[in-house]
Amino acid sequence: MKIIIAISLVSLVLSVLGDRRNCKLNKSKVVVCEDAGLITRVFHPADDNNLTLDLNGSSTIQRNAFKNVNNWQLQLILPEEGAPHTLFLESGSFRGVGYTTNLDIQNANIVFDGNPWEDLGDLAILRCKNCGFTEVPTEILESFPKLEELYLEDHRIDVIHENAFASLKNLTVLTLTREKPITLEPGWLNGLDQLEELTIAANSFTLAPGIFDGLKKLDTLRLRGKIDNSTIPKIYDSIKTLTNLEVD
């Protein structure tokens, strides 16, 4: 039955497009129309709210590629080998994706033209793993006023500056992980009045005075990496709402 459905989906898509050369059904039951790394259209079953797009390498997502794709979770996954690969997003790449609230991008060095994010105004969860960021992607984050959870995993950010996340007024969960040292400047958490859970993992980091000031609702703090234990009492002093502190 699944095979029949898959064949029917491909046949329907190809009949609409009138081009059988560049459209294929991938392992996630998604029909992808691609020409030399240029993603032109994407189709998937209407009853499946999770769309996973496994890309073979550096790719460009064309304007309207996701037109009429209605899903709440969208994953763009590039190969781990040789990562990060370039993922170029044209302005309007996500136009027509409907009610997407969860975006997961992995192993991609994100490059974009104009503002491809403007059609993701309802995004609540953003996860970027090994995305090649060397600075907090402030310009991207400003497009997501409703964002509640942000995960920047295996990033390459050496310093997080003041007001880095100030546009994320509704953020409740923030996770930052990397394998090298990281510097957190005072004021880096400015604007995160709703933050309840914070995870920081790095090879080592220095907890300068005042870096946790202004957190009004933080309940859980996880610190993973080399840390001076003498600073732990100061953490409790600066975060009055803290009930769960994990230090590895």
C-alpha atoms as a PDB file:
ATOM      1  CA  MET A   1       0.000   0.000   0.000  1.00  0.00           C
ATOM      2  CA  LYS A   2       2.830   2.432   0.892  1.00  0.00           C
ATOM      3  CA  ILE A   3       4.500   1.737  -2.451  1.00  0.00           C
ATOM      4  CA  ILE A   4       1.262   2.476  -4.310  1.00  0.00           C
ATOM      5  CA  ILE A   5       0.792   5.731  -2.394  1.00  0.00           C
ATOM      6  CA  ALA A   6       4.387   6.772  -3.107  1.00  0.00           C
ATOM      7  CA  ILE A   7       4.034   6.035  -6.819  1.00  0.00           C
ATOM      8  CA  SER A   8       0.755   7.937  -6.909  1.00  0.00           C
ATOM      9  CA  LEU A   9       2.359  10.935  -5.227  1.00  0.00           C
ATOM     10  CA  VAL A  10       5.239  11.006  -7.694  1.00  0.00           C
ATOM     11  CA  SER A  11       2.892  10.582 -10.654  1.00  0.00           C
ATOM     12  CA  LEU A  12       0.644  13.393  -9.440  1.00  0.00           C
ATOM     13  CA  VAL A  13       3.568  15.748  -8.912  1.00  0.00           C
ATOM     14  CA  LEU A  14       5.140  14.969 -12.258  1.00  0.00           C
ATOM     15  CA  SER A  15       1.842  15.398 -14.066  1.00  0.00           C
ATOM     16  CA  VAL A  16       1.524  18.851 -12.544  1.00  0.00           C
ATOM     17  CA  LEU A  17       5.091  19.825 -13.312  1.00  0.00           C
ATOM     18  CA  GLY A  18       5.275  18.234 -16.712  1.00  0.00           C
ATOM     19  CA  ASP A  19       8.968  17.420 -16.131  1.00  0.00           C
ATOM     20  CA  ARG A  20      10.093  13.903 -15.203  1.00  0.00           C
ATOM     21  CA  ARG A  21      13.822  14.504 -15.297  1.00  0.00           C
ATOM     22  CA  ASN A  22      14.679  16.227 -12.034  1.00  0.00           C
ATOM     23  CA  CYS A  23      11.990  15.174  -9.527  1.00  0.00           C
ATOM     24  CA  LYS A  24      12.607  12.177  -7.283  1.00  0.00           C
ATOM     25  CA  LEU A  25      11.046  10.594  -4.204  1.00  0.00           C
ATOM     26  CA  ASN A  26      13.523  10.548  -1.313  1.00  0.00           C
ATOM     27  CA  LYS A  27      13.671   8.165   1.658  1.00  0.00           C
ATOM     28  CA  SER A  28      11.421  10.445   3.708  1.00  0.00           C
ATOM     29  CA  LYS A  29       8.548  10.192   1.186  1.00  0.00           C
ATOM     30  CA  VAL A  30       9.263  13.700  -0.041  1.00  0.00           C
ATOM     31  CA  VAL A  31       9.332  14.536  -3.740  1.00  0.00           C
ATOM     32  CA  VAL A  32      12.260  16.869  -4.412  1.00  0.00           C
ATOM     33  CA  CYS A  33      12.780  18.655  -7.713  1.00  0.00           C
ATOM     34  CA  GLU A  34      16.471  19.460  -8.000  1.00  0.00           C
ATOM     35  CA  ASP A  35      18.896  20.454 -10.722  1.00  0.00           C
ATOM     36  CA  ALA A  36      22.624  20.472  -9.869  1.00  0.00           C
ATOM     37  CA  GLY A  37      22.040  21.442  -6.233  1.00  0.00           C
ATOM     38  CA  LEU A  38      19.223  23.911  -6.981  1.00  0.00           C
ATOM     39  CA  ILE A  39      16.041  22.904  -5.144  1.00  0.00           C
ATOM     40  CA  THR A  40      13.132  24.220  -7.220  1.00  0.00           C
ATOM     41  CA  ARG A  41      10.083  22.500  -5.691  1.00  0.00           C
ATOM     42  CA  VAL A  42       9.292  20.240  -2.752  1.00  0.00           C
ATOM     43  CA  PHE A  43       6.158  18.124  -2.242  1.00  0.00           C
ATOM     44  CA  HIS A  44       5.183  15.764   0.565  1.00  0.00           C
ATOM     45  CA  PRO A  45       2.084  13.848   1.759  1.00  0.00           C
ATOM     46  CA  ALA A  46      -0.656  16.160   2.998  1.00  0.00           C
ATOM     47  CA  ASP A  47      -1.225  14.049   6.118  1.00  0.00           C
ATOM     48  CA  ASP A  48       2.429  14.256   7.242  1.00  0.00           C
ATOM     49  CA  ASN A  49       3.231  17.315   9.347  1.00  0.00           C
ATOM     50  CA  ASN A  50       6.985  16.607   9.510  1.00  0.00           C
ATOM     51  CA  LEU A  51       9.101  17.342   6.451  1.00  0.00           C
ATOM     52  CA  THR A  52      12.715  16.145   6.411  1.00  0.00           C
ATOM     53  CA  LEU A  53      14.852  17.207   3.473  1.00  0.00           C
ATOM     54  CA  ASP A  54      18.173  15.337   3.291  1.00  0.00           C
ATOM     55  CA  LEU A  55      20.498  17.206   0.934  1.00  0.00           C
ATOM     56  CA  ASN A  56      23.543  15.621  -0.699  1.00  0.00           C
ATOM     57  CA  GLY A  57      25.824  18.639  -0.303  1.00  0.00           C
ATOM     58  CA  SER A  58      25.930  22.382  -0.879  1.00  0.00           C
ATOM     59  CA  SER A  59      22.504  23.465  -2.105  1.00  0.00           C
ATOM     60  CA  THR A  60      20.380  26.454  -3.061  1.00  0.00           C
ATOM     61  CA  ILE A  61      16.699  26.631  -2.162  1.00  0.00           C
ATOM     62  CA  GLN A  62      14.848  28.612  -4.779  1.00  0.00           C
ATOM     63  CA  ARG A  63      12.056  31.085  -4.154  1.00  0.00           C
ATOM     64  CA  ASN A  64       8.679  29.346  -3.665  1.00  0.00           C
ATOM     65  CA  ALA A  65      10.342  25.929  -3.373  1.00  0.00           C
ATOM     66  CA  PHE A  66       8.048  25.084  -0.439  1.00  0.00           C
ATOM     67  CA  LYS A  67       4.918  26.679  -1.889  1.00  0.00           C
ATOM     68  CA  ASN A  68       1.748  24.989  -0.557  1.00  0.00           C
ATOM     69  CA  VAL A  69       3.755  22.759   1.779  1.00  0.00           C
ATOM     70  CA  ASN A  70       1.857  22.727   5.078  1.00  0.00           C
ATOM     71  CA  ASN A  71       3.847  21.258   7.931  1.00  0.00           C
ATOM     72  CA  TRP A  72       4.678  22.267  11.472  1.00  0.00           C
ATOM     73  CA  GLN A  73       8.225  20.862  11.491  1.00  0.00           C
ATOM     74  CA  LEU A  74      10.829  21.360   8.763  1.00  0.00           C
ATOM     75  CA  GLN A  75      14.275  19.726   8.842  1.00  0.00           C
ATOM     76  CA  LEU A  76      17.057  20.618   6.406  1.00  0.00           C
ATOM     77  CA  ILE A  77      19.914  18.166   6.886  1.00  0.00           C
ATOM     78  CA  LEU A  78      23.196  18.261   4.991  1.00  0.00           C
ATOM     79  CA  PRO A  79      25.907  15.557   5.243  1.00  0.00           C
ATOM     80  CA  GLU A  80      28.149  15.460   8.318  1.00  0.00           C
ATOM     81  CA  GLU A  81      31.180  14.602   6.177  1.00  0.00           C
ATOM     82  CA  GLY A  82      32.858  17.780   5.006  1.00  0.00           C
ATOM     83  CA  ALA A  83      30.429  19.941   6.982  1.00  0.00           C
ATOM     84  CA  PRO A  84      29.417  22.653   7.080  1.00  0.00           C
ATOM     85  CA  HIS A  85      28.225  22.798   3.485  1.00  0.00           C
ATOM     86  CA  THR A  86      26.830  25.965   1.942  1.00  0.00           C
ATOM     87  CA  LEU A  87      23.064  26.342   2.096  1.00  0.00           C
ATOM     88  CA  PHE A  88      21.996  29.351   0.033  1.00  0.00           C
ATOM     89  CA  LEU A  89      18.488  30.637   0.657  1.00  0.00           C
ATOM     90  CA  GLU A  90      16.897  32.915  -1.893  1.00  0.00           C
ATOM     91  CA  SER A  91      14.485  35.596  -0.743  1.00  0.00           C
ATOM     92  CA  GLY A  92      11.137  33.813  -0.542  1.00  0.00           C
ATOM     93  CA  SER A  93      12.644  30.330  -0.078  1.00  0.00           C
ATOM     94  CA  PHE A  94      10.128  29.556   2.682  1.00  0.00           C
ATOM     95  CA  ARG A  95       7.175  31.306   1.075  1.00  0.00           C
ATOM     96  CA  GLY A  96       4.056  29.164   1.304  1.00  0.00           C
ATOM     97  CA  VAL A  97       5.248  26.783   4.029  1.00  0.00           C
ATOM     98  CA  GLY A  98       2.082  27.448   6.005  1.00  0.00           C
ATOM     99  CA  TYR A  99       2.173  27.042   9.755  1.00  0.00           C
ATOM    100  CA  THR A 100       5.773  25.914  10.314  1.00  0.00           C
ATOM    101  CA  THR A 101       6.675  26.403  13.977  1.00  0.00           C
ATOM    102  CA  ASN A 102       9.763  24.186  14.213  1.00  0.00           C
ATOM    103  CA  LEU A 103      12.865  24.588  11.994  1.00  0.00           C
ATOM    104  CA  ASP A 104      15.913  22.329  12.285  1.00  0.00           C
ATOM    105  CA  ILE A 105      19.013  22.981  10.127  1.00  0.00           C
ATOM    106  CA  GLN A 106      22.104  20.774  10.385  1.00  0.00           C
ATOM    107  CA  ASN A 107      25.642  20.929   8.943  1.00  0.00           C
ATOM    108  CA  ALA A 108      24.970  24.045   6.882  1.00  0.00           C
ATOM    109  CA  ASN A 109      26.860  27.284   6.418  1.00  0.00           C
ATOM    110  CA  ILE A 110      23.810  29.479   5.864  1.00  0.00           C
ATOM    111  CA  VAL A 111      24.015  32.195   3.207  1.00  0.00           C
ATOM    112  CA  PHE A 112      20.964  34.184   2.153  1.00  0.00           C
ATOM    113  CA  ASP A 113      19.712  36.863  -0.180  1.00  0.00           C
ATOM    114  CA  GLY A 114      17.307  39.490   1.128  1.00  0.00           C
ATOM    115  CA  ASN A 115      15.153  38.103   3.934  1.00  0.00           C
ATOM    116  CA  PRO A 116      14.144  34.477   3.303  1.00  0.00           C
ATOM    117  CA  TRP A 117      12.957  34.234   6.929  1.00  0.00           C
ATOM    118  CA  GLU A 118      10.058  36.678   6.682  1.00  0.00           C
ATOM    119  CA  ASP A 119       7.586  33.881   5.941  1.00  0.00           C
ATOM    120  CA  LEU A 120       8.461  32.081   9.194  1.00  0.00           C
ATOM    121  CA  GLY A 121       6.954  34.629  11.556  1.00  0.00           C
ATOM    122  CA  ASP A 122       5.219  31.917  13.614  1.00  0.00           C
ATOM    123  CA  LEU A 123       8.438  30.008  14.295  1.00  0.00           C
ATOM    124  CA  ALA A 124       8.596  28.853  17.923  1.00  0.00           C
ATOM    125  CA  ILE A 125      11.592  26.489  17.888  1.00  0.00           C
ATOM    126  CA  LEU A 126      14.865  26.940  15.977  1.00  0.00           C
ATOM    127  CA  ARG A 127      17.706  24.445  16.081  1.00  0.00           C
ATOM    128  CA  CYS A 128      20.944  25.008  14.188  1.00  0.00           C
ATOM    129  CA  LYS A 129      23.562  22.294  14.579  1.00  0.00           C
ATOM    130  CA  ASN A 130      27.026  22.784  13.086  1.00  0.00           C
ATOM    131  CA  CYS A 131      25.827  25.742  11.036  1.00  0.00           C
ATOM    132  CA  GLY A 132      29.184  27.501  10.865  1.00  0.00           C
ATOM    133  CA  PHE A 133      28.082  30.582  12.798  1.00  0.00           C
ATOM    134  CA  THR A 134      31.055  32.647  14.035  1.00  0.00           C
ATOM    135  CA  GLU A 135      28.746  35.268  15.537  1.00  0.00           C
ATOM    136  CA  VAL A 136      25.255  35.113  16.979  1.00  0.00           C
ATOM    137  CA  PRO A 137      22.983  35.346  13.884  1.00  0.00           C
ATOM    138  CA  THR A 138      21.221  38.452  15.186  1.00  0.00           C
ATOM    139  CA  GLU A 139      19.818  39.435  11.790  1.00  0.00           C
ATOM    140  CA  ILE A 140      18.184  36.032  11.389  1.00  0.00           C
ATOM    141  CA  LEU A 141      16.814  35.947  14.936  1.00  0.00           C
ATOM    142  CA  GLU A 142      15.124  39.323  14.526  1.00  0.00           C
ATOM    143  CA  SER A 143      12.765  37.657  12.032  1.00  0.00           C
ATOM    144  CA  PHE A 144      11.329  35.352  14.706  1.00  0.00           C
ATOM    145  CA  PRO A 145       9.429  37.478  17.256  1.00  0.00           C
ATOM    146  CA  LYS A 146       7.511  34.443  18.569  1.00  0.00           C
ATOM    147  CA  LEU A 147      10.571  32.239  19.101  1.00  0.00           C
ATOM    148  CA  GLU A 148      10.380  30.300  22.384  1.00  0.00           C
ATOM    149  CA  GLU A 149      13.290  27.850  22.086  1.00  0.00           C
ATOM    150  CA  LEU A 150      16.709  28.371  20.468  1.00  0.00           C
ATOM    151  CA  TYR A 151      19.431  25.730  20.121  1.00  0.00           C
ATOM    152  CA  LEU A 152      22.807  26.712  18.633  1.00  0.00           C
ATOM    153  CA  GLU A 153      24.746  23.454  18.805  1.00  0.00           C
ATOM    154  CA  ASP A 154      28.369  22.853  17.774  1.00  0.00           C
ATOM    155  CA  HIS A 155      28.656  26.531  16.868  1.00  0.00           C
ATOM    156  CA  ARG A 156      31.896  28.456  16.218  1.00  0.00           C
ATOM    157  CA  ILE A 157      31.099  31.610  18.176  1.00  0.00           C
ATOM    158  CA  ASP A 158      34.089  32.758  20.253  1.00  0.00           C
ATOM    159  CA  VAL A 159      32.436  35.766  21.898  1.00  0.00           C
ATOM    160  CA  ILE A 160      28.785  36.483  22.623  1.00  0.00           C
ATOM    161  CA  HIS A 161      28.320  40.223  22.832  1.00  0.00           C
ATOM    162  CA  GLU A 162      25.932  42.478  24.701  1.00  0.00           C
ATOM    163  CA  ASN A 163      22.308  42.373  23.463  1.00  0.00           C
ATOM    164  CA  ALA A 164      23.007  39.354  21.246  1.00  0.00           C
ATOM    165  CA  PHE A 165      19.519  37.933  21.847  1.00  0.00           C
ATOM    166  CA  ALA A 166      17.678  41.124  22.783  1.00  0.00           C
ATOM    167  CA  SER A 167      15.040  40.708  20.055  1.00  0.00           C
ATOM    168  CA  LEU A 168      13.813  37.378  21.465  1.00  0.00           C
ATOM    169  CA  LYS A 169      11.349  38.702  24.031  1.00  0.00           C
ATOM    170  CA  ASN A 170       9.434  35.395  24.262  1.00  0.00           C
ATOM    171  CA  LEU A 171      12.420  33.039  24.540  1.00  0.00           C
ATOM    172  CA  THR A 172      12.092  30.490  27.368  1.00  0.00           C
ATOM    173  CA  VAL A 173      14.838  27.972  26.434  1.00  0.00           C
ATOM    174  CA  LEU A 174      18.374  28.750  25.205  1.00  0.00           C
ATOM    175  CA  THR A 175      21.060  26.137  24.515  1.00  0.00           C
ATOM    176  CA  LEU A 176      24.589  26.980  23.339  1.00  0.00           C
ATOM    177  CA  THR A 177      27.185  24.245  22.797  1.00  0.00           C
ATOM    178  CA  ARG A 178      30.700  24.115  21.364  1.00  0.00           C
ATOM    179  CA  GLU A 179      33.978  22.259  21.987  1.00  0.00           C
ATOM    180  CA  LYS A 180      36.208  25.325  22.380  1.00  0.00           C
ATOM    181  CA  PRO A 181      36.386  28.139  24.969  1.00  0.00           C
ATOM    182  CA  ILE A 182      33.757  30.851  24.871  1.00  0.00           C
ATOM    183  CA  THR A 183      33.603  34.392  26.236  1.00  0.00           C
ATOM    184  CA  LEU A 184      30.312  35.778  27.542  1.00  0.00           C
ATOM    185  CA  GLU A 185      30.206  39.551  27.789  1.00  0.00           C
ATOM    186  CA  PRO A 186      28.112  41.342  30.446  1.00  0.00           C
ATOM    187  CA  GLY A 187      24.691  42.133  28.999  1.00  0.00           C
ATOM    188  CA  TRP A 188      24.678  39.185  26.606  1.00  0.00           C
ATOM    189  CA  LEU A 189      21.349  38.058  28.076  1.00  0.00           C
ATOM    190  CA  ASN A 190      19.682  41.464  27.904  1.00  0.00           C
ATOM    191  CA  GLY A 191      16.023  41.284  26.903  1.00  0.00           C
ATOM    192  CA  LEU A 192      15.489  37.638  27.868  1.00  0.00           C
ATOM    193  CA  ASP A 193      12.992  38.365  30.634  1.00  0.00           C
ATOM    194  CA  GLN A 194      11.031  35.145  29.955  1.00  0.00           C
ATOM    195  CA  LEU A 195      14.043  32.794  29.937  1.00  0.00           C
ATOM    196  CA  GLU A 196      13.454  29.739  32.144  1.00  0.00           C
ATOM    197  CA  GLU A 197      16.123  27.269  31.004  1.00  0.00           C
ATOM    198  CA  LEU A 198      19.724  28.007  29.973  1.00  0.00           C
ATOM    199  CA  THR A 199      22.365  25.482  28.884  1.00  0.00           C
ATOM    200  CA  ILE A 200      25.950  26.484  28.108  1.00  0.00           C
ATOM    201  CA  ALA A 201      28.496  23.858  27.074  1.00  0.00           C
ATOM    202  CA  ALA A 202      32.060  24.734  26.084  1.00  0.00           C
ATOM    203  CA  ASN A 203      35.628  23.592  26.594  1.00  0.00           C
ATOM    204  CA  SER A 204      35.953  26.363  29.166  1.00  0.00           C
ATOM    205  CA  PHE A 205      34.406  29.704  29.987  1.00  0.00           C
ATOM    206  CA  THR A 206      34.848  32.509  32.464  1.00  0.00           C
ATOM    207  CA  LEU A 207      31.847  33.677  34.463  1.00  0.00           C
ATOM    208  CA  ALA A 208      32.512  37.390  34.661  1.00  0.00           C
ATOM    209  CA  PRO A 209      30.578  39.447  37.234  1.00  0.00           C
ATOM    210  CA  GLY A 210      27.122  40.413  36.058  1.00  0.00           C
ATOM    211  CA  ILE A 211      26.756  38.029  33.118  1.00  0.00           C
ATOM    212  CA  PHE A 212      23.563  36.550  34.577  1.00  0.00           C
ATOM    213  CA  ASP A 213      22.065  39.838  35.705  1.00  0.00           C
ATOM    214  CA  GLY A 214      18.516  40.639  34.636  1.00  0.00           C
ATOM    215  CA  LEU A 215      17.188  37.078  34.419  1.00  0.00           C
ATOM    216  CA  LYS A 216      13.805  37.255  36.108  1.00  0.00           C
ATOM    217  CA  LYS A 217      12.420  33.749  35.563  1.00  0.00           C
ATOM    218  CA  LEU A 218      15.425  31.449  35.127  1.00  0.00           C
ATOM    219  CA  ASP A 219      14.727  28.153  36.866  1.00  0.00           C
ATOM    220  CA  THR A 220      17.318  25.788  35.362  1.00  0.00           C
ATOM    221  CA  LEU A 221      20.967  26.495  34.535  1.00  0.00           C
ATOM    222  CA  ARG A 222      23.306  23.876  33.053  1.00  0.00           C
ATOM    223  CA  LEU A 223      27.011  24.626  32.754  1.00  0.00           C
ATOM    224  CA  ARG A 224      29.151  22.001  31.035  1.00  0.00           C
ATOM    225  CA  GLY A 225      32.881  22.593  30.765  1.00  0.00           C
ATOM    226  CA  LYS A 226      35.833  23.768  32.827  1.00  0.00           C
ATOM    227  CA  ILE A 227      34.581  26.164  35.477  1.00  0.00           C
ATOM    228  CA  ASP A 228      35.887  27.648  38.713  1.00  0.00           C
ATOM    229  CA  ASN A 229      33.693  26.152  41.456  1.00  0.00           C
ATOM    230  CA  SER A 230      34.225  29.207  43.641  1.00  0.00           C
ATOM    231  CA  THR A 231      31.881  31.107  41.330  1.00  0.00           C
ATOM    232  CA  ILE A 232      28.896  28.841  42.052  1.00  0.00           C
ATOM    233  CA  PRO A 233      27.691  30.739  45.163  1.00  0.00           C
ATOM    234  CA  LYS A 234      27.822  33.949  43.130  1.00  0.00           C
ATOM    235  CA  ILE A 235      25.510  32.381  40.552  1.00  0.00           C
ATOM    236  CA  TYR A 236      22.836  31.764  43.163  1.00  0.00           C
ATOM    237  CA  ASP A 237      23.284  35.304  44.424  1.00  0.00           C
ATOM    238  CA  SER A 238      22.694  36.788  40.972  1.00  0.00           C
ATOM    239  CA  ILE A 239      19.805  34.489  39.923  1.00  0.00           C
ATOM    240  CA  LYS A 240      17.211  34.614  42.684  1.00  0.00           C
ATOM    241  CA  THR A 241      14.740  32.324  40.870  1.00  0.00           C
ATOM    242  CA  LEU A 242      17.242  29.492  40.287  1.00  0.00           C
ATOM    243  CA  THR A 243      16.154  26.089  41.656  1.00  0.00           C
ATOM    244  CA  ASN A 244      18.186  23.703  39.489  1.00  0.00           C
ATOM    245  CA  LEU A 245      21.921  24.185  38.844  1.00  0.00           C
ATOM    246  CA  GLU A 246      23.849  21.470  36.993  1.00  0.00           C
ATOM    247  CA  VAL A 247      27.630  21.764  36.661  1.00  0.00           C
ATOM    248  CA  ASP A 248      29.625  19.086  34.803  1.00  0.00           C
END
